Amino acid sequence: MNCRFYWAVAGLLVTAVFLVACQTNAPEATVTGAVFLSPGEPLPEDVVVKVQLLDVSQADATAVVLGEQIIENPSELPIPFTVAYDPRDIEPNGRYQISVRLVNDLNQLLYINSATYPVLTQGNGARDVAVLVEAVGDTAVVEPTPLPPTVPPPTAVPPTVTATAMAAPTPAPTVDPNLPTTPGDGFVFRLMAFGPQRGQKDVLAGTEITVRFVGNQIVGTAGCNQYAGFIVPVNDYFNINGLSVTEMVCTEPPGIMEQERDYLSSLIGVSGYQFAWQANDQSQITGLELYYPLANGGVGVLTFVTP
């Protein structure tokens, strides 16, 4: 055998082994969550779900797909997803989003997420991402009219504003005019305590309950399960309708499912809200209180803080 040919073949084999080793050892991370349809919407037959992790860091450029999962003919709602990506593609100052599309067997678009779902950076996580999708051309869900501010300019407000005691739910938000007038649009809140106004109990140790408002949608985790619903404006307050909840069962810590049940029941009854915020050089929301009626005629409060 020609020696030159032998060494060329050997070189190609070494290169191939090196490339395979590199591919095998490539790091991998995931973004997980679930896809929800609008309340009452049945899961279409022969549907294909396309979940993508997008790099949207460049405002004037096309989004770059960093990872994708294709789910064919899912059998139940909500639809869980796991999108794998290479963590080396993630920049600390970059912006990344989850995008979901449902198409039929002709690749015609049926459902899409109208809100944005940021992940990975800028305080956003990679777990329990609840994505609501809406039918293309569906006009049943209307963006709510922004709630009017009812407080004086920031210069007339004390440095820290917190909720005051109330004998009954008062559907009157107190919002800094320079802050979002919808219920904390874009903010993530973590529940600290809830219950009767003068007898709240802390959230169980080892559990986390969150809420995030995105346009006319509300999403979060109730401790064990994920949930999603819609914000319905009523005069100068709002109700929460059409909650969809996953169906997992958790056993630890003890009482987690009872806490989740009580929280979701309270959330459905919300009839008033109030921000806590700090007025400084750049006003900042620091918390949120949601009010709901109790069976005995009293007032319950869900007390949230920003992470």
Protein backbone atom coordinates (compact mmCIF):
# COMPACT_ATOMS: atom_id res chain seq x y z
CA MET A 1 0.00 0.00 0.00
CA ASN A 2 1.21 3.47 -0.82
CA CYS A 3 2.44 5.08 2.41
CA ARG A 4 1.11 8.48 1.45
CA PHE A 5 -2.37 7.00 0.89
CA TYR A 6 -2.13 5.14 4.23
CA TRP A 7 -1.36 8.26 6.21
CA ALA A 8 -4.13 10.21 4.45
CA VAL A 9 -6.69 7.57 5.40
CA ALA A 10 -5.39 7.49 8.95
CA GLY A 11 -5.67 11.25 9.17
CA LEU A 12 -9.30 11.18 8.01
CA LEU A 13 -10.14 8.52 10.60
CA VAL A 14 -8.58 10.54 13.40
CA THR A 15 -10.49 13.65 12.29
CA ALA A 16 -13.79 11.71 12.20
CA VAL A 17 -13.21 10.30 15.69
CA PHE A 18 -12.39 13.79 16.98
CA LEU A 19 -15.56 15.28 15.47
CA VAL A 20 -17.72 12.51 16.94
CA ALA A 21 -16.12 13.03 20.35
CA CYS A 22 -16.77 16.76 20.16
CA GLN A 23 -20.41 16.20 19.26
CA THR A 24 -20.83 13.64 22.04
CA ASN A 25 -19.30 15.90 24.66
CA ALA A 26 -21.19 19.06 23.63
CA PRO A 27 -22.93 20.50 26.70
CA GLU A 28 -26.71 20.55 26.74
CA ALA A 29 -29.28 22.39 28.84
CA THR A 30 -33.07 22.58 28.63
CA VAL A 31 -36.02 24.93 28.98
CA THR A 32 -39.15 23.17 30.24
CA GLY A 33 -42.79 24.15 30.57
CA ALA A 34 -46.27 23.53 29.22
CA VAL A 35 -48.50 24.88 26.44
CA PHE A 36 -52.05 25.96 27.32
CA LEU A 37 -54.93 26.68 24.95
CA SER A 38 -57.52 29.37 25.60
CA PRO A 39 -60.15 28.22 28.11
CA GLY A 40 -62.75 25.97 26.49
CA GLU A 41 -60.69 25.35 23.36
CA PRO A 42 -60.45 21.63 22.47
CA LEU A 43 -57.15 20.14 21.40
CA PRO A 44 -57.25 19.87 17.58
CA GLU A 45 -56.73 16.49 15.96
CA ASP A 46 -53.59 15.78 13.93
CA VAL A 47 -51.91 18.88 15.32
CA VAL A 48 -48.17 19.46 15.44
CA VAL A 49 -46.72 21.64 18.21
CA LYS A 50 -43.52 23.53 17.44
CA VAL A 51 -41.74 24.95 20.49
CA GLN A 52 -38.66 27.07 19.81
CA LEU A 53 -36.06 28.82 21.93
CA LEU A 54 -35.28 32.08 20.14
CA ASP A 55 -32.40 34.54 20.45
CA VAL A 56 -34.01 37.97 20.07
CA SER A 57 -31.05 40.00 21.27
CA GLN A 58 -30.75 41.94 18.01
CA ALA A 59 -33.80 44.19 17.70
CA ASP A 60 -33.36 44.79 13.94
CA ALA A 61 -32.42 41.23 13.03
CA THR A 62 -34.32 38.00 12.50
CA ALA A 63 -34.61 35.87 15.63
CA VAL A 64 -32.15 32.97 15.78
CA VAL A 65 -33.47 29.51 16.68
CA LEU A 66 -31.26 28.00 19.41
CA GLY A 67 -33.38 24.94 20.11
CA GLU A 68 -36.62 23.32 18.98
CA GLN A 69 -38.96 20.53 19.98
CA ILE A 70 -41.55 19.09 17.61
CA ILE A 71 -44.51 17.39 19.34
CA GLU A 72 -46.78 15.43 17.01
CA ASN A 73 -50.37 14.62 17.95
CA PRO A 74 -50.27 15.46 21.69
CA SER A 75 -52.97 13.56 23.56
CA GLU A 76 -53.88 15.95 26.37
CA LEU A 77 -53.75 19.50 27.66
CA PRO A 78 -51.64 21.22 28.80
CA ILE A 79 -48.86 20.01 26.51
CA PRO A 80 -45.49 19.61 28.31
CA PHE A 81 -42.33 20.56 26.43
CA THR A 82 -38.57 20.31 26.87
CA VAL A 83 -36.38 22.33 24.51
CA ALA A 84 -32.68 21.48 24.50
CA TYR A 85 -30.00 24.07 23.72
CA ASP A 86 -26.27 24.59 23.98
CA PRO A 87 -25.54 26.86 26.98
CA ARG A 88 -22.48 28.19 25.13
CA ASP A 89 -24.91 30.04 22.85
CA ILE A 90 -26.29 32.09 25.75
CA GLU A 91 -24.89 35.54 26.52
CA PRO A 92 -25.55 37.06 29.97
CA ASN A 93 -26.82 40.28 28.40
CA GLY A 94 -28.76 38.57 25.62
CA ARG A 95 -32.53 38.26 25.33
CA TYR A 96 -34.21 34.89 24.77
CA GLN A 97 -37.83 33.83 24.35
CA ILE A 98 -39.97 30.73 23.96
CA SER A 99 -42.19 30.71 20.88
CA VAL A 100 -44.99 28.20 20.29
CA ARG A 101 -46.95 27.45 17.13
CA LEU A 102 -49.59 24.80 16.49
CA VAL A 103 -50.03 23.74 12.87
CA ASN A 104 -52.15 21.15 11.08
CA ASP A 105 -50.95 18.39 8.75
CA LEU A 106 -50.80 20.93 5.90
CA ASN A 107 -48.48 23.14 7.99
CA GLN A 108 -51.20 25.78 8.26
CA LEU A 109 -50.94 27.90 11.41
CA LEU A 110 -53.75 27.25 13.91
CA TYR A 111 -52.53 28.69 17.22
CA ILE A 112 -49.72 30.99 18.28
CA ASN A 113 -48.62 32.78 21.45
CA SER A 114 -49.50 36.48 21.26
CA ALA A 115 -47.56 37.39 24.43
CA THR A 116 -43.80 37.14 24.86
CA TYR A 117 -42.27 34.59 27.22
CA PRO A 118 -38.70 35.58 28.12
CA VAL A 119 -36.39 32.94 29.58
CA LEU A 120 -32.83 32.35 30.82
CA THR A 121 -31.53 35.91 31.34
CA GLN A 122 -32.57 39.21 32.94
CA GLY A 123 -34.11 37.44 35.92
CA ASN A 124 -36.08 34.91 33.86
CA GLY A 125 -35.82 31.18 34.56
CA ALA A 126 -35.82 28.04 32.44
CA ARG A 127 -38.37 25.92 34.31
CA ASP A 128 -42.17 25.79 34.48
CA VAL A 129 -42.69 28.19 31.58
CA ALA A 130 -46.47 28.32 31.03
CA VAL A 131 -47.25 29.45 27.47
CA LEU A 132 -50.77 30.44 26.44
CA VAL A 133 -51.59 30.14 22.73
CA GLU A 134 -54.59 31.65 20.96
CA ALA A 135 -56.38 30.68 17.77
CA VAL A 136 -55.22 32.65 14.74
CA GLY A 137 -57.83 35.31 13.95
CA ASP A 138 -59.63 34.68 17.24
CA THR A 139 -61.25 37.91 18.45
CA ALA A 140 -62.85 36.48 21.59
CA VAL A 141 -59.93 37.56 23.75
CA VAL A 142 -59.67 41.34 23.78
CA GLU A 143 -56.75 43.30 25.20
CA PRO A 144 -58.15 45.06 28.29
CA THR A 145 -58.31 48.83 28.48
CA PRO A 146 -55.52 50.10 30.77
CA LEU A 147 -56.77 50.84 34.26
CA PRO A 148 -56.70 54.59 35.10
CA PRO A 149 -54.24 55.78 37.74
CA THR A 150 -55.88 57.12 40.89
CA VAL A 151 -53.00 58.64 42.83
CA PRO A 152 -51.31 62.06 42.67
CA PRO A 153 -47.95 62.55 40.93
CA PRO A 154 -44.96 60.79 42.52
CA THR A 155 -43.74 63.98 44.21
CA ALA A 156 -46.89 63.98 46.35
CA VAL A 157 -46.53 60.33 47.39
CA PRO A 158 -44.45 59.20 50.40
CA PRO A 159 -41.22 57.32 49.59
CA THR A 160 -42.89 53.97 50.31
CA VAL A 161 -46.51 53.14 49.58
CA THR A 162 -48.09 50.00 51.01
CA ALA A 163 -51.61 48.62 51.22
CA THR A 164 -53.89 49.92 53.96
CA ALA A 165 -56.40 47.98 56.04
CA MET A 166 -59.80 47.51 54.44
CA ALA A 167 -63.06 46.26 55.87
CA ALA A 168 -64.24 44.94 52.49
CA PRO A 169 -62.71 44.54 49.04
CA THR A 170 -62.27 47.97 47.53
CA PRO A 171 -61.80 47.72 43.78
CA ALA A 172 -59.59 50.79 43.50
CA PRO A 173 -55.95 50.42 42.45
CA THR A 174 -53.35 52.85 43.70
CA VAL A 175 -50.77 53.03 40.97
CA ASP A 176 -47.94 55.44 40.29
CA PRO A 177 -48.78 57.12 36.94
CA ASN A 178 -45.24 56.35 35.79
CA LEU A 179 -45.70 52.62 36.43
CA PRO A 180 -47.75 50.07 34.46
CA THR A 181 -51.48 50.67 34.88
CA THR A 182 -52.34 47.09 34.04
CA PRO A 183 -51.79 44.65 36.95
CA GLY A 184 -47.99 44.68 37.00
CA ASP A 185 -47.53 43.93 33.31
CA GLY A 186 -44.22 42.22 32.75
CA PHE A 187 -43.46 41.76 36.45
CA VAL A 188 -43.01 38.44 38.28
CA PHE A 189 -44.35 38.34 41.84
CA ARG A 190 -43.67 35.72 44.54
CA LEU A 191 -46.33 34.96 47.18
CA MET A 192 -45.19 35.48 50.77
CA ALA A 193 -48.45 35.01 52.72
CA PHE A 194 -52.20 34.85 52.25
CA GLY A 195 -55.42 34.52 54.20
CA PRO A 196 -57.63 36.80 56.31
CA GLN A 197 -56.38 40.35 56.35
CA ARG A 198 -55.38 40.26 60.01
CA GLY A 199 -54.49 36.58 60.12
CA GLN A 200 -52.38 35.72 57.10
CA LYS A 201 -50.27 32.57 57.09
CA ASP A 202 -46.86 32.26 55.47
CA VAL A 203 -46.32 30.13 52.40
CA LEU A 204 -45.06 26.65 53.34
CA ALA A 205 -41.29 26.35 53.58
CA GLY A 206 -39.86 24.60 50.54
CA THR A 207 -42.67 25.76 48.21
CA GLU A 208 -42.89 28.64 45.80
CA ILE A 209 -46.03 30.30 44.42
CA THR A 210 -45.65 32.89 41.68
CA VAL A 211 -47.78 35.06 39.44
CA ARG A 212 -46.85 36.91 36.26
CA PHE A 213 -49.06 39.28 34.28
CA VAL A 214 -48.54 39.45 30.52
CA GLY A 215 -51.06 41.66 28.72
CA ASN A 216 -54.47 40.15 29.42
CA GLN A 217 -53.01 36.84 30.63
CA ILE A 218 -51.94 35.56 34.03
CA VAL A 219 -49.50 32.65 34.44
CA GLY A 220 -47.52 31.15 37.28
CA THR A 221 -46.89 28.17 39.51
CA ALA A 222 -49.19 27.29 42.41
CA GLY A 223 -46.59 25.33 44.33
CA CYS A 224 -46.99 21.99 42.57
CA ASN A 225 -48.85 22.72 39.35
CA GLN A 226 -48.63 25.44 36.72
CA TYR A 227 -51.66 27.59 35.95
CA ALA A 228 -52.77 30.12 33.38
CA GLY A 229 -55.83 32.30 32.92
CA PHE A 230 -57.19 35.61 31.70
CA ILE A 231 -57.57 39.05 33.30
CA VAL A 232 -61.03 40.54 32.80
CA PRO A 233 -61.29 44.28 33.52
CA VAL A 234 -64.30 45.37 35.60
CA ASN A 235 -64.59 49.15 36.03
CA ASP A 236 -61.40 50.11 37.89
CA TYR A 237 -60.40 46.60 39.03
CA PHE A 238 -60.26 43.14 37.47
CA ASN A 239 -61.31 39.52 37.87
CA ILE A 240 -59.39 36.39 36.89
CA ASN A 241 -61.29 33.95 34.68
CA GLY A 242 -60.69 30.72 32.79
CA LEU A 243 -57.93 29.22 34.92
CA SER A 244 -56.27 26.14 33.43
CA VAL A 245 -54.16 24.02 35.78
CA THR A 246 -51.86 21.06 35.21
CA GLU A 247 -52.72 17.83 37.03
CA MET A 248 -49.60 16.80 38.92
CA VAL A 249 -49.74 15.54 42.51
CA CYS A 250 -46.98 16.49 44.97
CA THR A 251 -46.50 14.89 48.38
CA GLU A 252 -43.71 17.04 49.82
CA PRO A 253 -43.76 19.10 51.87
CA PRO A 254 -46.90 17.97 53.73
CA GLY A 255 -49.84 20.27 52.99
CA ILE A 256 -48.60 21.48 49.62
CA MET A 257 -51.72 20.36 47.73
CA GLU A 258 -54.08 21.90 50.31
CA GLN A 259 -52.12 25.17 50.08
CA GLU A 260 -52.34 25.07 46.28
CA ARG A 261 -56.11 24.49 46.40
CA ASP A 262 -56.62 27.41 48.79
CA TYR A 263 -54.41 29.70 46.71
CA LEU A 264 -56.19 28.97 43.43
CA SER A 265 -59.60 29.42 45.07
CA SER A 266 -58.46 32.79 46.41
CA LEU A 267 -57.09 33.81 43.00
CA ILE A 268 -60.42 33.10 41.29
CA GLY A 269 -62.17 35.40 43.78
CA VAL A 270 -59.85 38.42 43.29
CA SER A 271 -61.82 41.69 43.22
CA GLY A 272 -59.23 44.35 43.99
CA TYR A 273 -55.52 45.03 43.97
CA GLN A 274 -52.89 47.47 45.12
CA PHE A 275 -49.19 47.86 44.43
CA ALA A 276 -46.44 48.55 46.92
CA TRP A 277 -43.72 50.66 45.37
CA GLN A 278 -40.79 52.87 46.15
CA ALA A 279 -40.50 56.37 44.76
CA ASN A 280 -36.91 57.30 44.14
CA ASP A 281 -34.92 58.41 41.11
CA GLN A 282 -36.53 55.55 39.22
CA SER A 283 -39.84 54.37 40.71
CA GLN A 284 -39.93 50.62 41.28
CA ILE A 285 -42.70 48.17 42.11
CA THR A 286 -41.72 46.13 45.16
CA GLY A 287 -44.90 44.19 45.86
CA LEU A 288 -48.54 43.52 45.10
CA GLU A 289 -51.61 42.74 47.18
CA LEU A 290 -54.66 41.03 45.71
CA TYR A 291 -57.93 41.21 47.68
CA TYR A 292 -60.63 38.53 47.65
CA PRO A 293 -63.84 37.96 49.67
CA LEU A 294 -64.03 35.37 52.44
CA ALA A 295 -67.00 33.12 53.12
CA ASN A 296 -67.65 34.88 56.43
CA GLY A 297 -67.92 38.27 54.72
CA GLY A 298 -64.39 39.35 55.57
CA VAL A 299 -61.46 40.18 53.33
CA GLY A 300 -58.59 37.95 52.34
CA VAL A 301 -55.26 39.19 51.01
CA LEU A 302 -52.64 37.59 48.79
CA THR A 303 -49.35 39.35 49.58
CA PHE A 304 -46.67 39.19 46.86
CA VAL A 305 -43.19 40.64 46.56
CA THR A 306 -40.91 41.05 43.57
CA PRO A 307 -37.96 38.61 43.54
